Amino acid sequence: MNLNAFYVKARTCYRVPICCHYNLFSGRFYLTILS
C-alpha cells in the first residue's frame, strides 16, 4: 500500500464532508459522511 497516497486521502477528510477511510483488515476503502 502506498502510504503517501493514503495520507493525502486522509488530509482531504478535513476539507470535504465525505471522507475515505482505509480498513487495514478488509483492505477496503470506506466513504464516511461527516456530520
PDB file of N, CA and C in Angstrom:
ATOM      1  N   MET A   1       0.849  -1.199   0.000  1.00  0.00           N
ATOM      2  CA  MET A   1       0.000   0.000   0.000  1.00  0.00           C
ATOM      3  C   MET A   1       0.879   1.241   0.000  1.00  0.00           C
ATOM      4  N   ASN A   2       0.474   2.224  -0.785  1.00  0.00           N
ATOM      5  CA  ASN A   2       1.223   3.469  -0.847  1.00  0.00           C
ATOM      6  C   ASN A   2       0.760   4.377   0.282  1.00  0.00           C
ATOM      7  N   LEU A   3       1.606   4.526   1.301  1.00  0.00           N
ATOM      8  CA  LEU A   3       1.228   5.327   2.469  1.00  0.00           C
ATOM      9  C   LEU A   3       1.085   6.797   2.118  1.00  0.00           C
ATOM     10  N   ASN A   4       1.908   7.281   1.180  1.00  0.00           N
ATOM     11  CA  ASN A   4       1.804   8.688   0.790  1.00  0.00           C
ATOM     12  C   ASN A   4       0.433   8.992   0.226  1.00  0.00           C
ATOM     13  N   ALA A   5      -0.071   8.114  -0.620  1.00  0.00           N
ATOM     14  CA  ALA A   5      -1.400   8.298  -1.196  1.00  0.00           C
ATOM     15  C   ALA A   5      -2.465   8.228  -0.101  1.00  0.00           C
ATOM     16  N   PHE A   6      -2.239   7.351   0.867  1.00  0.00           N
ATOM     17  CA  PHE A   6      -3.181   7.214   1.978  1.00  0.00           C
ATOM     18  C   PHE A   6      -3.261   8.498   2.786  1.00  0.00           C
ATOM     19  N   TYR A   7      -2.096   9.097   3.068  1.00  0.00           N
ATOM     20  CA  TYR A   7      -2.089  10.318   3.864  1.00  0.00           C
ATOM     21  C   TYR A   7      -2.731  11.479   3.124  1.00  0.00           C
ATOM     22  N   VAL A   8      -2.539  11.528   1.805  1.00  0.00           N
ATOM     23  CA  VAL A   8      -3.186  12.573   1.003  1.00  0.00           C
ATOM     24  C   VAL A   8      -4.694  12.443   1.099  1.00  0.00           C
ATOM     25  N   LYS A   9      -5.180  11.208   1.010  1.00  0.00           N
ATOM     26  CA  LYS A   9      -6.615  10.974   1.143  1.00  0.00           C
ATOM     27  C   LYS A   9      -7.084  11.350   2.539  1.00  0.00           C
ATOM     28  N   ALA A  10      -6.278  11.038   3.535  1.00  0.00           N
ATOM     29  CA  ALA A  10      -6.647  11.335   4.912  1.00  0.00           C
ATOM     30  C   ALA A  10      -6.739  12.841   5.145  1.00  0.00           C
ATOM     31  N   ARG A  11      -5.823  13.603   4.537  1.00  0.00           N
ATOM     32  CA  ARG A  11      -5.839  15.048   4.732  1.00  0.00           C
ATOM     33  C   ARG A  11      -7.047  15.696   4.070  1.00  0.00           C
ATOM     34  N   THR A  12      -7.549  15.079   2.994  1.00  0.00           N
ATOM     35  CA  THR A  12      -8.722  15.646   2.328  1.00  0.00           C
ATOM     36  C   THR A  12      -9.958  15.517   3.199  1.00  0.00           C
ATOM     37  N   CYS A  13      -9.913  14.643   4.195  1.00  0.00           N
ATOM     38  CA  CYS A  13     -11.043  14.448   5.097  1.00  0.00           C
ATOM     39  C   CYS A  13     -11.361  15.733   5.843  1.00  0.00           C
ATOM     40  N   TYR A  14     -10.347  16.560   6.075  1.00  0.00           N
ATOM     41  CA  TYR A  14     -10.559  17.786   6.823  1.00  0.00           C
ATOM     42  C   TYR A  14     -11.173  18.873   5.947  1.00  0.00           C
ATOM     43  N   ARG A  15     -11.159  18.654   4.628  1.00  0.00           N
ATOM     44  CA  ARG A  15     -11.641  19.680   3.710  1.00  0.00           C
ATOM     45  C   ARG A  15     -13.009  19.374   3.135  1.00  0.00           C
ATOM     46  N   VAL A  16     -13.359  18.112   3.076  1.00  0.00           N
ATOM     47  CA  VAL A  16     -14.627  17.723   2.436  1.00  0.00           C
ATOM     48  C   VAL A  16     -15.486  16.932   3.413  1.00  0.00           C
ATOM     49  N   PRO A  17     -16.825  16.980   3.238  1.00  0.00           N
ATOM     50  CA  PRO A  17     -17.746  16.277   4.135  1.00  0.00           C
ATOM     51  C   PRO A  17     -17.699  14.767   3.973  1.00  0.00           C
ATOM     52  N   ILE A  18     -17.246  14.314   2.797  1.00  0.00           N
ATOM     53  CA  ILE A  18     -17.175  12.871   2.568  1.00  0.00           C
ATOM     54  C   ILE A  18     -15.719  12.419   2.661  1.00  0.00           C
ATOM     55  N   CYS A  19     -15.462  11.432   3.464  1.00  0.00           N
ATOM     56  CA  CYS A  19     -14.096  11.020   3.746  1.00  0.00           C
ATOM     57  C   CYS A  19     -13.870   9.563   3.384  1.00  0.00           C
ATOM     58  N   CYS A  20     -12.655   9.279   2.902  1.00  0.00           N
ATOM     59  CA  CYS A  20     -12.292   7.893   2.627  1.00  0.00           C
ATOM     60  C   CYS A  20     -11.490   7.343   3.805  1.00  0.00           C
ATOM     61  N   HIS A  21     -11.929   6.230   4.354  1.00  0.00           N
ATOM     62  CA  HIS A  21     -11.200   5.561   5.425  1.00  0.00           C
ATOM     63  C   HIS A  21     -10.731   4.200   4.933  1.00  0.00           C
ATOM     64  N   TYR A  22      -9.466   3.897   5.177  1.00  0.00           N
ATOM     65  CA  TYR A  22      -8.939   2.611   4.729  1.00  0.00           C
ATOM     66  C   TYR A  22      -8.972   1.604   5.863  1.00  0.00           C
ATOM     67  N   ASN A  23      -9.618   0.479   5.602  1.00  0.00           N
ATOM     68  CA  ASN A  23      -9.696  -0.576   6.602  1.00  0.00           C
ATOM     69  C   ASN A  23      -8.575  -1.572   6.343  1.00  0.00           C
ATOM     70  N   LEU A  24      -7.606  -1.622   7.257  1.00  0.00           N
ATOM     71  CA  LEU A  24      -6.437  -2.469   7.067  1.00  0.00           C
ATOM     72  C   LEU A  24      -6.794  -3.948   7.107  1.00  0.00           C
ATOM     73  N   PHE A  25      -7.909  -4.272   7.776  1.00  0.00           N
ATOM     74  CA  PHE A  25      -8.267  -5.670   7.935  1.00  0.00           C
ATOM     75  C   PHE A  25      -8.922  -6.231   6.674  1.00  0.00           C
ATOM     76  N   SER A  26      -9.809  -5.435   6.080  1.00  0.00           N
ATOM     77  CA  SER A  26     -10.513  -5.933   4.895  1.00  0.00           C
ATOM     78  C   SER A  26      -9.842  -5.457   3.613  1.00  0.00           C
ATOM     79  N   GLY A  27      -8.988  -4.427   3.758  1.00  0.00           N
ATOM     80  CA  GLY A  27      -8.314  -3.904   2.585  1.00  0.00           C
ATOM     81  C   GLY A  27      -9.235  -3.104   1.693  1.00  0.00           C
ATOM     82  N   ARG A  28     -10.232  -2.475   2.286  1.00  0.00           N
ATOM     83  CA  ARG A  28     -11.204  -1.717   1.510  1.00  0.00           C
ATOM     84  C   ARG A  28     -11.257  -0.264   1.979  1.00  0.00           C
ATOM     85  N   PHE A  29     -11.677   0.588   1.067  1.00  0.00           N
ATOM     86  CA  PHE A  29     -11.901   1.978   1.428  1.00  0.00           C
ATOM     87  C   PHE A  29     -13.375   2.192   1.734  1.00  0.00           C
ATOM     88  N   TYR A  30     -13.616   2.963   2.777  1.00  0.00           N
ATOM     89  CA  TYR A  30     -14.986   3.291   3.135  1.00  0.00           C
ATOM     90  C   TYR A  30     -15.234   4.776   2.937  1.00  0.00           C
ATOM     91  N   LEU A  31     -16.441   5.105   2.480  1.00  0.00           N
ATOM     92  CA  LEU A  31     -16.829   6.510   2.393  1.00  0.00           C
ATOM     93  C   LEU A  31     -17.670   6.841   3.617  1.00  0.00           C
ATOM     94  N   THR A  32     -17.208   7.825   4.371  1.00  0.00           N
ATOM     95  CA  THR A  32     -17.932   8.205   5.575  1.00  0.00           C
ATOM     96  C   THR A  32     -18.392   9.645   5.460  1.00  0.00           C
ATOM     97  N   ILE A  33     -19.666   9.867   5.692  1.00  0.00           N
ATOM     98  CA  ILE A  33     -20.198  11.234   5.656  1.00  0.00           C
ATOM     99  C   ILE A  33     -20.036  11.854   7.046  1.00  0.00           C
ATOM    100  N   LEU A  34     -19.247  12.917   7.108  1.00  0.00           N
ATOM    101  CA  LEU A  34     -19.014  13.579   8.390  1.00  0.00           C
ATOM    102  C   LEU A  34     -20.091  14.625   8.614  1.00  0.00           C
ATOM    103  N   SER A  35     -20.775  14.529   9.744  1.00  0.00           N
ATOM    104  CA  SER A  35     -21.857  15.471  10.014  1.00  0.00           C
ATOM    105  C   SER A  35     -21.381  16.609  10.909  1.00  0.00           C
TER     106      SER A  35
END
